[in-house]
Amino acid sequence: MALQVPVMIRRVDRTPRLESSIEEDWPQPYKVELKYHDSARRQEIYDWCSEKFGHHTRQWNNPRWCSNTGYHSFWFKKERDRTLFLMRWS
C-alpha cells in the first residue's frame, strides 16, 4: 500500500498591478514597474506617457521620463509625474 502525501499547490497572484520605488542614483529616480500587464496594455500606457510627457528618441534622452524596451518599467524625473502616472493607471 503506497503512502499518499497531500501536495500543497501555491497559487501565484497574477493580478495586474503597479509597484513603485525610488532609485536615487538615476537621473530619473522614480520608478514604476508594471506587473502582469499584457502587451496591449503596456503599449497603451507607453502611448499615454508619450502624449503627456513627450516622446523620447532612440537614445532615451527625454529628461522627463523613459521606459525599458518591453515597457515593463517606467522612470520619471519628477515625483509629480510619477504620481500622475500612478493616479491614471492604478
N, C-alpha and C. Protein backbone atom coordinates (compact mmCIF):
# COMPACT_ATOMS: atom_id res chain seq x y z
N MET A 1 0.84 -1.17 0.00
CA MET A 1 0.00 0.00 0.00
C MET A 1 0.89 1.24 0.00
N ALA A 2 0.69 2.10 -0.97
CA ALA A 2 1.50 3.32 -1.10
C ALA A 2 0.97 4.40 -0.17
N LEU A 3 1.90 5.12 0.39
CA LEU A 3 1.55 6.24 1.27
C LEU A 3 1.21 7.46 0.42
N GLN A 4 0.07 8.05 0.63
CA GLN A 4 -0.33 9.24 -0.12
C GLN A 4 -0.07 10.48 0.73
N VAL A 5 0.68 11.39 0.15
CA VAL A 5 1.03 12.62 0.85
C VAL A 5 0.30 13.78 0.16
N PRO A 6 -0.42 14.60 0.93
CA PRO A 6 -1.09 15.74 0.29
C PRO A 6 -0.06 16.73 -0.26
N VAL A 7 -0.34 17.24 -1.43
CA VAL A 7 0.56 18.19 -2.08
C VAL A 7 -0.04 19.58 -1.97
N MET A 8 0.74 20.50 -1.48
CA MET A 8 0.29 21.89 -1.37
C MET A 8 0.68 22.62 -2.65
N ILE A 9 -0.29 23.20 -3.31
CA ILE A 9 -0.02 23.97 -4.52
C ILE A 9 -0.17 25.44 -4.15
N ARG A 10 0.89 26.17 -4.38
CA ARG A 10 0.89 27.60 -4.06
C ARG A 10 0.42 28.39 -5.28
N ARG A 11 -0.64 29.14 -5.11
CA ARG A 11 -1.13 29.98 -6.20
C ARG A 11 -0.33 31.27 -6.23
N VAL A 12 0.05 31.66 -7.42
CA VAL A 12 0.75 32.91 -7.61
C VAL A 12 -0.28 33.95 -8.03
N ASP A 13 -0.29 35.05 -7.32
CA ASP A 13 -1.23 36.13 -7.67
C ASP A 13 -0.71 36.87 -8.89
N ARG A 14 -1.41 36.76 -9.99
CA ARG A 14 -1.02 37.41 -11.24
C ARG A 14 -1.97 38.55 -11.60
N THR A 15 -2.53 39.17 -10.59
CA THR A 15 -3.40 40.32 -10.81
C THR A 15 -2.54 41.49 -11.29
N PRO A 16 -2.92 42.15 -12.38
CA PRO A 16 -2.14 43.31 -12.83
C PRO A 16 -2.04 44.37 -11.74
N ARG A 17 -0.82 44.85 -11.54
CA ARG A 17 -0.60 45.87 -10.51
C ARG A 17 0.63 46.70 -10.86
N LEU A 18 0.81 47.77 -10.12
CA LEU A 18 1.96 48.66 -10.27
C LEU A 18 2.77 48.61 -8.98
N GLU A 19 4.09 48.60 -9.13
CA GLU A 19 4.97 48.67 -7.97
C GLU A 19 5.89 49.87 -8.15
N SER A 20 5.93 50.73 -7.15
CA SER A 20 6.69 51.97 -7.24
C SER A 20 7.89 51.92 -6.30
N SER A 21 9.01 52.51 -6.75
CA SER A 21 10.21 52.58 -5.92
C SER A 21 11.02 53.81 -6.31
N ILE A 22 12.04 54.11 -5.53
CA ILE A 22 12.92 55.24 -5.82
C ILE A 22 14.34 54.70 -5.97
N GLU A 23 14.98 55.06 -7.06
CA GLU A 23 16.38 54.69 -7.32
C GLU A 23 17.18 55.99 -7.37
N GLU A 24 17.71 56.37 -6.25
CA GLU A 24 18.30 57.70 -6.08
C GLU A 24 19.48 58.00 -6.98
N ASP A 25 20.18 57.01 -7.46
CA ASP A 25 21.37 57.24 -8.29
C ASP A 25 21.05 57.45 -9.76
N TRP A 26 19.80 57.40 -10.13
CA TRP A 26 19.40 57.55 -11.53
C TRP A 26 19.01 58.99 -11.82
N PRO A 27 19.18 59.44 -13.06
CA PRO A 27 18.71 60.79 -13.42
C PRO A 27 17.19 60.90 -13.32
N GLN A 28 16.49 59.78 -13.50
CA GLN A 28 15.04 59.71 -13.33
C GLN A 28 14.78 58.70 -12.21
N PRO A 29 14.77 59.15 -10.97
CA PRO A 29 14.79 58.23 -9.83
C PRO A 29 13.47 57.55 -9.49
N TYR A 30 12.35 58.04 -10.00
CA TYR A 30 11.05 57.49 -9.61
C TYR A 30 10.63 56.39 -10.57
N LYS A 31 10.66 55.17 -10.09
CA LYS A 31 10.43 54.01 -10.94
C LYS A 31 9.07 53.39 -10.66
N VAL A 32 8.39 52.97 -11.73
CA VAL A 32 7.14 52.22 -11.61
C VAL A 32 7.28 50.97 -12.47
N GLU A 33 7.04 49.82 -11.87
CA GLU A 33 7.08 48.56 -12.61
C GLU A 33 5.66 48.06 -12.83
N LEU A 34 5.41 47.61 -14.05
CA LEU A 34 4.11 47.02 -14.37
C LEU A 34 4.23 45.51 -14.16
N LYS A 35 3.41 44.98 -13.30
CA LYS A 35 3.42 43.55 -13.02
C LYS A 35 2.18 42.91 -13.63
N TYR A 36 2.40 41.90 -14.46
CA TYR A 36 1.34 41.07 -15.04
C TYR A 36 0.36 41.86 -15.92
N HIS A 37 0.86 42.85 -16.66
CA HIS A 37 0.05 43.56 -17.65
C HIS A 37 0.34 42.95 -19.01
N ASP A 38 -0.68 42.79 -19.84
CA ASP A 38 -0.45 42.24 -21.17
C ASP A 38 0.18 43.30 -22.08
N SER A 39 0.69 42.86 -23.21
CA SER A 39 1.45 43.74 -24.09
C SER A 39 0.59 44.88 -24.65
N ALA A 40 -0.68 44.64 -24.90
CA ALA A 40 -1.55 45.70 -25.41
C ALA A 40 -1.72 46.80 -24.36
N ARG A 41 -1.86 46.40 -23.12
CA ARG A 41 -2.00 47.39 -22.04
C ARG A 41 -0.70 48.17 -21.85
N ARG A 42 0.44 47.49 -21.91
CA ARG A 42 1.73 48.18 -21.77
C ARG A 42 1.91 49.19 -22.90
N GLN A 43 1.50 48.84 -24.12
CA GLN A 43 1.59 49.76 -25.25
C GLN A 43 0.69 50.97 -25.03
N GLU A 44 -0.51 50.74 -24.52
CA GLU A 44 -1.43 51.83 -24.22
C GLU A 44 -0.83 52.79 -23.19
N ILE A 45 -0.19 52.24 -22.17
CA ILE A 45 0.45 53.06 -21.14
C ILE A 45 1.62 53.85 -21.72
N TYR A 46 2.42 53.19 -22.56
CA TYR A 46 3.54 53.88 -23.21
C TYR A 46 3.05 55.03 -24.08
N ASP A 47 2.00 54.80 -24.85
CA ASP A 47 1.45 55.85 -25.72
C ASP A 47 0.94 57.03 -24.88
N TRP A 48 0.32 56.74 -23.76
CA TRP A 48 -0.17 57.80 -22.88
C TRP A 48 1.00 58.63 -22.35
N CYS A 49 2.08 57.96 -21.93
CA CYS A 49 3.26 58.68 -21.44
C CYS A 49 3.86 59.57 -22.54
N SER A 50 3.91 59.07 -23.76
CA SER A 50 4.44 59.86 -24.87
C SER A 50 3.59 61.11 -25.09
N GLU A 51 2.29 60.95 -24.96
CA GLU A 51 1.38 62.08 -25.15
C GLU A 51 1.52 63.10 -24.01
N LYS A 52 1.58 62.62 -22.78
CA LYS A 52 1.61 63.52 -21.62
C LYS A 52 2.97 64.14 -21.35
N PHE A 53 4.04 63.36 -21.52
CA PHE A 53 5.36 63.80 -21.09
C PHE A 53 6.33 64.04 -22.24
N GLY A 54 5.89 63.80 -23.46
CA GLY A 54 6.76 63.99 -24.61
C GLY A 54 7.42 62.68 -25.02
N HIS A 55 7.57 62.52 -26.33
CA HIS A 55 8.18 61.30 -26.86
C HIS A 55 9.69 61.31 -26.61
N HIS A 56 10.25 60.14 -26.44
CA HIS A 56 11.71 60.08 -26.34
C HIS A 56 12.28 59.40 -27.58
N THR A 57 13.53 59.67 -27.86
CA THR A 57 14.18 59.17 -29.08
C THR A 57 14.82 57.82 -28.82
N ARG A 58 15.47 57.29 -29.82
CA ARG A 58 16.18 56.02 -29.66
C ARG A 58 17.28 56.10 -28.60
N GLN A 59 17.78 57.31 -28.34
CA GLN A 59 18.82 57.47 -27.33
C GLN A 59 18.24 57.56 -25.91
N TRP A 60 16.92 57.45 -25.79
CA TRP A 60 16.25 57.51 -24.50
C TRP A 60 16.64 58.79 -23.75
N ASN A 61 16.66 59.91 -24.49
CA ASN A 61 17.19 61.12 -23.90
C ASN A 61 16.13 62.15 -23.50
N ASN A 62 14.88 61.75 -23.35
CA ASN A 62 13.89 62.67 -22.80
C ASN A 62 14.19 62.78 -21.31
N PRO A 63 14.52 63.97 -20.83
CA PRO A 63 14.90 64.09 -19.42
C PRO A 63 13.74 63.88 -18.45
N ARG A 64 12.52 63.91 -18.95
CA ARG A 64 11.36 63.82 -18.05
C ARG A 64 10.97 62.39 -17.71
N TRP A 65 11.13 61.45 -18.67
CA TRP A 65 10.73 60.07 -18.41
C TRP A 65 11.41 59.13 -19.40
N CYS A 66 11.39 57.86 -19.09
CA CYS A 66 11.85 56.83 -20.02
C CYS A 66 11.23 55.49 -19.61
N SER A 67 11.36 54.51 -20.48
CA SER A 67 10.88 53.16 -20.18
C SER A 67 11.86 52.16 -20.76
N ASN A 68 11.76 50.92 -20.32
CA ASN A 68 12.60 49.89 -20.93
C ASN A 68 11.96 49.42 -22.23
N THR A 69 12.63 48.56 -22.95
CA THR A 69 12.20 48.16 -24.29
C THR A 69 10.83 47.48 -24.29
N GLY A 70 10.55 46.64 -23.35
CA GLY A 70 9.26 45.93 -23.33
C GLY A 70 8.16 46.69 -22.61
N TYR A 71 8.47 47.91 -22.17
CA TYR A 71 7.51 48.76 -21.44
C TYR A 71 7.04 48.09 -20.14
N HIS A 72 7.96 47.41 -19.47
CA HIS A 72 7.64 46.79 -18.18
C HIS A 72 7.93 47.75 -17.03
N SER A 73 8.86 48.70 -17.26
CA SER A 73 9.25 49.65 -16.23
C SER A 73 9.28 51.06 -16.82
N PHE A 74 8.88 52.01 -15.99
CA PHE A 74 8.90 53.42 -16.38
C PHE A 74 9.62 54.20 -15.28
N TRP A 75 10.46 55.15 -15.70
CA TRP A 75 11.19 56.01 -14.77
C TRP A 75 10.81 57.46 -15.02
N PHE A 76 10.68 58.22 -13.95
CA PHE A 76 10.29 59.62 -14.04
C PHE A 76 11.27 60.49 -13.27
N LYS A 77 11.55 61.67 -13.82
CA LYS A 77 12.46 62.60 -13.15
C LYS A 77 11.76 63.29 -11.99
N LYS A 78 10.49 63.63 -12.16
CA LYS A 78 9.77 64.38 -11.14
C LYS A 78 8.76 63.49 -10.44
N GLU A 79 8.68 63.67 -9.14
CA GLU A 79 7.74 62.88 -8.35
C GLU A 79 6.30 63.13 -8.79
N ARG A 80 5.99 64.35 -9.18
CA ARG A 80 4.62 64.66 -9.59
C ARG A 80 4.23 63.91 -10.86
N ASP A 81 5.19 63.68 -11.77
CA ASP A 81 4.89 62.89 -12.97
C ASP A 81 4.61 61.44 -12.61
N ARG A 82 5.41 60.90 -11.70
CA ARG A 82 5.17 59.53 -11.24
C ARG A 82 3.80 59.43 -10.56
N THR A 83 3.46 60.44 -9.76
CA THR A 83 2.17 60.44 -9.06
C THR A 83 1.01 60.49 -10.06
N LEU A 84 1.13 61.33 -11.09
CA LEU A 84 0.10 61.41 -12.12
C LEU A 84 -0.04 60.05 -12.82
N PHE A 85 1.07 59.42 -13.12
CA PHE A 85 1.08 58.09 -13.74
C PHE A 85 0.33 57.09 -12.86
N LEU A 86 0.66 57.08 -11.57
CA LEU A 86 0.02 56.13 -10.65
C LEU A 86 -1.47 56.40 -10.52
N MET A 87 -1.85 57.68 -10.49
CA MET A 87 -3.26 58.01 -10.37
C MET A 87 -4.02 57.57 -11.62
N ARG A 88 -3.41 57.73 -12.77
CA ARG A 88 -4.08 57.36 -14.03
C ARG A 88 -4.20 55.85 -14.21
N TRP A 89 -3.16 55.10 -13.86
CA TRP A 89 -3.13 53.67 -14.20
C TRP A 89 -3.38 52.73 -13.03
N SER A 90 -3.63 53.25 -11.85
CA SER A 90 -3.93 52.36 -10.71
C SER A 90 -5.35 51.89 -10.76
